[in-house]
Amino acid sequence: MLKILQQIKKVQPHIVYSTANHLNLLIAIFKFALPKTTKFIAWETSIVSVNHTFSAHPTFYNFLLKKFYKKIPLVVCQSNFMQQDLITNYKLTTKQTTVIYPGVKNVNTIIEKPKNSKPHFLTVARLSPEKGIDKILKAISLIPFDFVYTIIGDGNERENLQKLVKEYKLESKVIFTGQRQNPFTTIDQVDLFLMASSHEGFPTTLLEATSYGIPIVAYNAPGGIAEIIEDGVNGFLIKENNEVTFALTIEKALAYKFENKKIQQQTQLKFSLQNSIQLLQNLFISAIK
């Protein structure tokens, strides 16, 4: 932190823009040491009331958050849910917070449903407990017809998930690819993107999926998921957190006639990267006036 403060003093920036929760907190604590002409803006990427529980000392970390986070002049949130979390649990005001959705690049390619072949499901995620891939495996084990499920990503849960694949007798249906750069460019055809996270700040993988016209089936978990998915337009939200309902919703989505091009167009309209950049630029300009 001392090195950061020394660098800020040396550069004398108009704005310090911090984009990680622990750094946001540190700068909030030492805000008194910032040059008086420097504005501090924080970008929050997590649900703070949930994220703090993963720290080494959650009670102490949450105490610091409650004491100092409200000292940040402006916090840019990735979703309305995240904004409300800060207002409700950390006593920030509406004026201290604003929402700018992360944007996604426009793409011309559409990843369509497989034609005259078995259904293909896809998940792109870090293989960690909060991503709920074990729940997806349980759900698809209940599906009575043949399919392919590709999991792109890696993490410390991979071994446990592979054991579940064997337990559910899904060896011929589930593919682990590991980590891939630009994962959506490596897939030719997909029916559905599946997500079963316990929480998500604002899942950019959902945006990336819909930017390629892929419909979503996901749990309505805390976070920004519900701000992306519109039932019957670009997917279905599962309100009951159980695997039977997940399996039934997958079957419902397979039978539903989603318009891939419409999904892509809606994403480009609502979550344009250029629009997000412009909003952030306007925010910076306004801050230094």
Protein backbone atom coordinates (compact mmCIF):
# COMPACT_ATOMS: atom_id res chain seq x y z
CA MET A 1 0.00 0.00 0.00
CA LEU A 2 2.90 2.33 0.76
CA LYS A 3 4.25 1.82 -2.78
CA ILE A 4 0.81 2.54 -4.25
CA LEU A 5 0.50 5.77 -2.26
CA GLN A 6 4.04 6.81 -3.25
CA GLN A 7 3.20 6.23 -6.91
CA ILE A 8 -0.04 8.22 -6.63
CA LYS A 9 1.84 11.08 -4.99
CA LYS A 10 4.45 10.97 -7.75
CA VAL A 11 2.00 10.87 -10.67
CA GLN A 12 -0.61 13.22 -9.14
CA PRO A 13 -3.45 11.69 -11.22
CA HIS A 14 -6.83 13.31 -11.62
CA ILE A 15 -8.46 9.94 -10.89
CA VAL A 16 -7.46 6.78 -9.06
CA TYR A 17 -9.58 3.97 -10.47
CA SER A 18 -9.43 0.74 -8.50
CA THR A 19 -10.98 -2.48 -9.82
CA ALA A 20 -10.60 -5.15 -7.11
CA ASN A 21 -12.49 -5.36 -3.81
CA HIS A 22 -9.45 -5.67 -1.53
CA LEU A 23 -7.71 -2.75 -3.27
CA ASN A 24 -10.90 -0.68 -3.10
CA LEU A 25 -10.96 -1.28 0.65
CA LEU A 26 -7.26 -0.49 1.13
CA ILE A 27 -7.51 2.79 -0.76
CA ALA A 28 -10.68 3.68 1.18
CA ILE A 29 -8.78 3.14 4.45
CA PHE A 30 -5.86 5.30 3.28
CA LYS A 31 -7.98 7.79 1.34
CA PHE A 32 -6.81 10.56 3.70
CA ALA A 33 -3.32 10.19 2.21
CA LEU A 34 -4.42 10.79 -1.39
CA PRO A 35 -3.67 14.20 -2.96
CA LYS A 36 -6.63 16.53 -2.46
CA THR A 37 -6.97 17.01 -6.22
CA THR A 38 -7.25 13.26 -6.88
CA LYS A 39 -10.69 11.68 -7.21
CA PHE A 40 -11.13 8.08 -6.12
CA ILE A 41 -13.51 5.82 -8.10
CA ALA A 42 -13.92 2.12 -7.35
CA TRP A 43 -15.19 -0.59 -9.71
CA GLU A 44 -16.88 -3.41 -7.80
CA THR A 45 -16.99 -6.83 -9.45
CA SER A 46 -18.47 -8.90 -6.63
CA ILE A 47 -21.43 -9.13 -4.29
CA VAL A 48 -19.53 -7.68 -1.34
CA SER A 49 -21.67 -9.28 1.39
CA VAL A 50 -20.92 -12.69 -0.18
CA ASN A 51 -17.36 -12.10 -1.36
CA HIS A 52 -16.00 -11.24 2.11
CA THR A 53 -16.88 -14.75 3.37
CA PHE A 54 -14.09 -16.19 1.20
CA SER A 55 -11.38 -14.15 2.90
CA ALA A 56 -8.95 -15.58 5.46
CA HIS A 57 -10.59 -13.60 8.28
CA PRO A 58 -14.17 -12.91 7.14
CA THR A 59 -15.47 -11.28 10.33
CA PHE A 60 -12.60 -8.80 10.51
CA TYR A 61 -12.68 -8.16 6.76
CA ASN A 62 -16.41 -7.44 6.89
CA PHE A 63 -15.86 -5.10 9.85
CA LEU A 64 -13.37 -3.11 7.77
CA LEU A 65 -15.75 -3.06 4.81
CA LYS A 66 -18.59 -1.72 6.94
CA LYS A 67 -16.37 0.94 8.49
CA PHE A 68 -14.48 2.17 5.42
CA TYR A 69 -16.29 1.24 2.19
CA LYS A 70 -18.81 4.04 2.67
CA LYS A 71 -15.89 6.49 2.51
CA ILE A 72 -15.45 5.77 -1.22
CA PRO A 73 -16.93 8.77 -3.11
CA LEU A 74 -18.20 6.66 -6.01
CA VAL A 75 -18.51 2.91 -6.57
CA VAL A 76 -19.33 1.63 -10.05
CA CYS A 77 -21.31 -1.61 -9.76
CA GLN A 78 -21.67 -4.26 -12.46
CA SER A 79 -25.32 -4.97 -11.64
CA ASN A 80 -28.32 -3.49 -9.86
CA PHE A 81 -28.16 -6.38 -7.39
CA MET A 82 -24.60 -5.46 -6.42
CA GLN A 83 -25.56 -1.81 -6.02
CA GLN A 84 -28.44 -2.68 -3.69
CA ASP A 85 -26.15 -4.98 -1.69
CA LEU A 86 -23.80 -2.05 -0.99
CA ILE A 87 -26.67 0.27 -0.05
CA THR A 88 -28.38 -2.27 2.23
CA ASN A 89 -25.40 -3.91 3.92
CA TYR A 90 -22.67 -1.27 3.84
CA LYS A 91 -24.68 1.96 4.13
CA LEU A 92 -23.53 3.55 0.89
CA THR A 93 -25.97 6.07 -0.54
CA THR A 94 -27.59 5.99 -3.95
CA LYS A 95 -25.46 8.99 -4.95
CA GLN A 96 -22.29 7.06 -4.06
CA THR A 97 -23.14 4.22 -6.42
CA THR A 98 -23.91 3.79 -10.08
CA VAL A 99 -24.42 0.80 -12.37
CA ILE A 100 -22.51 0.23 -15.59
CA TYR A 101 -22.89 -3.21 -17.10
CA PRO A 102 -19.71 -4.80 -18.44
CA GLY A 103 -19.96 -4.70 -22.21
CA VAL A 104 -19.36 -7.44 -24.72
CA LYS A 105 -17.89 -7.09 -28.19
CA ASN A 106 -20.21 -7.42 -31.15
CA VAL A 107 -19.62 -10.65 -33.04
CA ASN A 108 -20.94 -11.64 -36.44
CA THR A 109 -20.88 -15.40 -35.87
CA ILE A 110 -23.91 -17.25 -34.54
CA ILE A 111 -23.43 -20.60 -32.79
CA GLU A 112 -26.63 -22.41 -33.67
CA LYS A 113 -28.33 -25.56 -32.46
CA PRO A 114 -26.97 -28.82 -33.83
CA LYS A 115 -28.95 -29.99 -36.84
CA ASN A 116 -30.14 -33.60 -36.86
CA SER A 117 -27.73 -34.54 -34.07
CA LYS A 118 -27.83 -35.11 -30.32
CA PRO A 119 -28.27 -31.97 -28.16
CA HIS A 120 -25.09 -30.20 -27.10
CA PHE A 121 -24.82 -28.33 -23.78
CA LEU A 122 -21.97 -26.01 -22.79
CA THR A 123 -20.56 -24.48 -19.60
CA VAL A 124 -17.57 -22.12 -19.48
CA ALA A 125 -16.43 -21.63 -15.90
CA ARG A 126 -13.72 -21.96 -13.32
CA LEU A 127 -14.02 -25.42 -11.79
CA SER A 128 -14.67 -24.32 -8.21
CA PRO A 129 -17.47 -25.16 -5.75
CA GLU A 130 -19.47 -21.92 -6.13
CA LYS A 131 -19.94 -22.58 -9.88
CA GLY A 132 -22.26 -25.50 -9.08
CA ILE A 133 -21.13 -27.77 -11.91
CA ASP A 134 -21.80 -30.73 -9.61
CA LYS A 135 -25.46 -29.67 -9.63
CA ILE A 136 -25.48 -29.57 -13.43
CA LEU A 137 -24.01 -33.07 -13.60
CA LYS A 138 -26.71 -34.33 -11.24
CA ALA A 139 -29.40 -32.62 -13.32
CA ILE A 140 -28.25 -33.96 -16.68
CA SER A 141 -27.95 -37.45 -15.21
CA LEU A 142 -31.76 -37.33 -14.96
CA ILE A 143 -32.23 -36.58 -18.69
CA PRO A 144 -33.52 -39.70 -20.46
CA PHE A 145 -32.06 -39.07 -23.93
CA ASP A 146 -28.57 -38.87 -25.39
CA PHE A 147 -26.59 -35.59 -25.42
CA VAL A 148 -23.12 -34.06 -25.20
CA TYR A 149 -22.06 -31.73 -22.37
CA THR A 150 -18.81 -29.78 -22.83
CA ILE A 151 -17.15 -28.10 -19.85
CA ILE A 152 -14.52 -25.50 -20.74
CA GLY A 153 -12.36 -24.38 -17.83
CA ASP A 154 -10.11 -25.68 -15.11
CA GLY A 155 -9.78 -25.53 -11.35
CA ASN A 156 -9.31 -27.42 -8.13
CA GLU A 157 -12.70 -29.18 -8.41
CA ARG A 158 -11.88 -30.99 -11.63
CA GLU A 159 -10.97 -34.29 -10.00
CA ASN A 160 -14.13 -34.32 -7.87
CA LEU A 161 -16.27 -33.51 -10.90
CA GLN A 162 -14.68 -36.30 -12.92
CA LYS A 163 -15.53 -38.70 -10.09
CA LEU A 164 -19.15 -37.55 -10.27
CA VAL A 165 -19.18 -38.14 -14.02
CA LYS A 166 -18.26 -41.77 -13.36
CA GLU A 167 -20.74 -42.05 -10.48
CA TYR A 168 -23.58 -40.79 -12.69
CA LYS A 169 -22.39 -42.95 -15.62
CA LEU A 170 -21.91 -39.92 -17.87
CA GLU A 171 -18.45 -40.82 -19.23
CA SER A 172 -19.66 -41.02 -22.83
CA LYS A 173 -21.55 -37.71 -22.59
CA VAL A 174 -19.34 -35.26 -20.67
CA ILE A 175 -16.18 -33.66 -22.10
CA PHE A 176 -13.64 -31.69 -20.04
CA THR A 177 -11.55 -29.54 -22.38
CA GLY A 178 -9.53 -27.62 -19.80
CA GLN A 179 -8.83 -23.90 -20.11
CA ARG A 180 -9.14 -22.35 -23.58
CA GLN A 181 -8.41 -18.91 -24.93
CA ASN A 182 -11.55 -17.40 -26.52
CA PRO A 183 -13.61 -20.54 -25.72
CA PHE A 184 -16.66 -19.63 -27.81
CA THR A 185 -14.59 -19.55 -30.99
CA THR A 186 -13.71 -23.23 -30.46
CA ILE A 187 -17.35 -24.43 -30.47
CA ASP A 188 -19.31 -24.95 -33.69
CA GLN A 189 -22.81 -25.82 -32.47
CA VAL A 190 -24.50 -25.53 -29.07
CA ASP A 191 -28.11 -25.93 -27.97
CA LEU A 192 -27.88 -24.42 -24.48
CA PHE A 193 -25.44 -22.75 -22.12
CA LEU A 194 -25.88 -24.11 -18.56
CA MET A 195 -25.11 -22.27 -15.31
CA ALA A 196 -25.77 -23.36 -11.72
CA SER A 197 -23.67 -20.90 -9.70
CA SER A 198 -24.57 -20.21 -6.08
CA HIS A 199 -23.91 -16.51 -6.73
CA GLU A 200 -22.52 -14.30 -9.51
CA GLY A 201 -21.62 -10.62 -9.47
CA PHE A 202 -22.23 -10.22 -13.19
CA PRO A 203 -21.37 -13.34 -15.22
CA THR A 204 -19.68 -12.17 -18.42
CA THR A 205 -19.72 -15.74 -19.74
CA LEU A 206 -23.50 -15.42 -20.06
CA LEU A 207 -23.05 -12.24 -22.08
CA GLU A 208 -20.49 -13.94 -24.29
CA ALA A 209 -22.82 -16.90 -24.83
CA THR A 210 -25.78 -14.70 -25.79
CA SER A 211 -23.53 -12.57 -28.01
CA TYR A 212 -23.16 -15.74 -30.10
CA GLY A 213 -26.93 -16.33 -30.00
CA ILE A 214 -26.81 -19.20 -27.47
CA PRO A 215 -29.82 -19.43 -25.11
CA ILE A 216 -29.23 -19.94 -21.36
CA VAL A 217 -30.61 -22.21 -18.66
CA ALA A 218 -29.50 -21.01 -15.22
CA TYR A 219 -30.47 -20.87 -11.57
CA ASN A 220 -31.78 -17.49 -10.45
CA ALA A 221 -28.89 -17.09 -8.00
CA PRO A 222 -28.01 -13.85 -6.16
CA GLY A 223 -26.30 -11.37 -8.48
CA GLY A 224 -26.77 -10.14 -12.01
CA ILE A 225 -27.99 -13.34 -13.70
CA ALA A 226 -31.63 -12.18 -13.67
CA GLU A 227 -30.55 -8.90 -15.29
CA ILE A 228 -29.27 -10.81 -18.32
CA ILE A 229 -31.82 -13.58 -18.86
CA GLU A 230 -35.35 -12.88 -20.07
CA ASP A 231 -37.56 -15.94 -19.91
CA GLY A 232 -38.55 -17.11 -23.36
CA VAL A 233 -36.33 -14.53 -25.07
CA ASN A 234 -32.75 -15.60 -24.42
CA GLY A 235 -33.23 -18.48 -22.00
CA PHE A 236 -34.98 -19.63 -18.84
CA LEU A 237 -34.33 -18.80 -15.19
CA ILE A 238 -34.83 -21.64 -12.72
CA LYS A 239 -36.44 -20.34 -9.55
CA GLU A 240 -36.46 -23.66 -7.69
CA ASN A 241 -32.95 -24.61 -6.65
CA ASN A 242 -33.09 -28.35 -7.32
CA GLU A 243 -31.71 -30.67 -9.97
CA VAL A 244 -35.08 -32.13 -11.04
CA THR A 245 -36.35 -28.69 -12.00
CA PHE A 246 -33.05 -27.98 -13.76
CA ALA A 247 -33.42 -31.15 -15.85
CA LEU A 248 -37.05 -30.34 -16.70
CA THR A 249 -36.09 -26.78 -17.70
CA ILE A 250 -33.39 -28.11 -20.01
CA GLU A 251 -36.00 -30.27 -21.75
CA LYS A 252 -38.36 -27.29 -21.92
CA ALA A 253 -35.64 -25.10 -23.45
CA LEU A 254 -34.74 -27.74 -26.04
CA ALA A 255 -38.37 -27.82 -27.21
CA TYR A 256 -38.66 -24.02 -27.26
CA LYS A 257 -38.05 -22.16 -30.52
CA PHE A 258 -35.43 -19.57 -29.55
CA GLU A 259 -34.36 -17.11 -32.25
CA ASN A 260 -30.55 -17.17 -32.22
CA LYS A 261 -30.24 -13.98 -34.24
CA LYS A 262 -32.68 -12.15 -31.96
CA ILE A 263 -30.70 -13.25 -28.89
CA GLN A 264 -27.52 -11.89 -30.45
CA GLN A 265 -29.13 -8.60 -31.47
CA GLN A 266 -30.65 -8.05 -28.03
CA THR A 267 -27.26 -8.59 -26.39
CA GLN A 268 -25.57 -6.15 -28.76
CA LEU A 269 -28.26 -3.56 -28.01
CA LYS A 270 -28.37 -3.90 -24.21
CA PHE A 271 -24.76 -4.82 -23.40
CA SER A 272 -22.70 -3.03 -26.03
CA LEU A 273 -19.03 -2.75 -25.07
CA GLN A 274 -18.85 0.62 -26.79
CA ASN A 275 -21.77 1.88 -24.71
CA SER A 276 -20.13 0.70 -21.47
CA ILE A 277 -16.89 2.45 -22.40
CA GLN A 278 -18.77 5.65 -23.22
CA LEU A 279 -20.62 5.62 -19.86
CA LEU A 280 -17.36 5.12 -17.99
CA GLN A 281 -15.67 7.88 -19.97
CA ASN A 282 -18.56 10.26 -19.20
CA LEU A 283 -18.24 9.34 -15.52
CA PHE A 284 -14.54 10.20 -15.49
CA ILE A 285 -15.08 13.51 -17.26
CA SER A 286 -17.86 14.43 -14.85
CA ALA A 287 -15.68 13.53 -11.85
CA ILE A 288 -12.90 15.97 -12.73
CA LYS A 289 -15.06 18.93 -13.72
